[in-house]
């Protein structure tokens, strides 16, 4: 692969480990709707997915609850939970160091409000030329739609991009888009080394 023209970076679990913050905010919002969700169940059903894809499943126990209302409640709770999140400093430094030579886009299933809250909390707003969030596409990862939209708006082809992802769903989306992908994961509060896809 030649040098990339654009870096396309996932947010949750890749640039910032938000798993605990997301769980705490959603658990509180779901409890208000009458649903208790344990962390193991949360990880199984929700991790890496947009709320539209998992809240209907979790709300089967509360037929009167509306997914949109739970998601909105979670968004209000989320900023206060972000003390439980931490940045992949190595990846942030890589992006920041190459800003003069690369176009950059955040490509996430998170809503626009939640993504903005994370970037603001960790002062990462300056890393990206473009944000593509779950609010911008109908079909979320593993579909490649968000990647296609990011590349279109940046004016680059898939072959000119390098994606960074942490999950099977995210990697599948990047590969379906046609971009090479580096997989990133966190362990013990630090980012593990990436493996190529």
Foldseek 3Di string as FASTA:
>chain_A
DPAFQEEEEEDDQWFKPCLVLLVVLLQVLVVVLVFHDDSVRCCVQPPQAALVRGVVVRCPVRVVDDSVSSVVSSLVSRLVSCVPMDGQVVVLCVLVVCVVRHAYEYQYQYDPSNVVSNCVVVVNVVSHPYYQYVVNDDDHFVAQVSVVVVCVVVVHAQDNYEYEEADPRVCNNSVNSPHKYWHWGDDPRHIDDTDTD
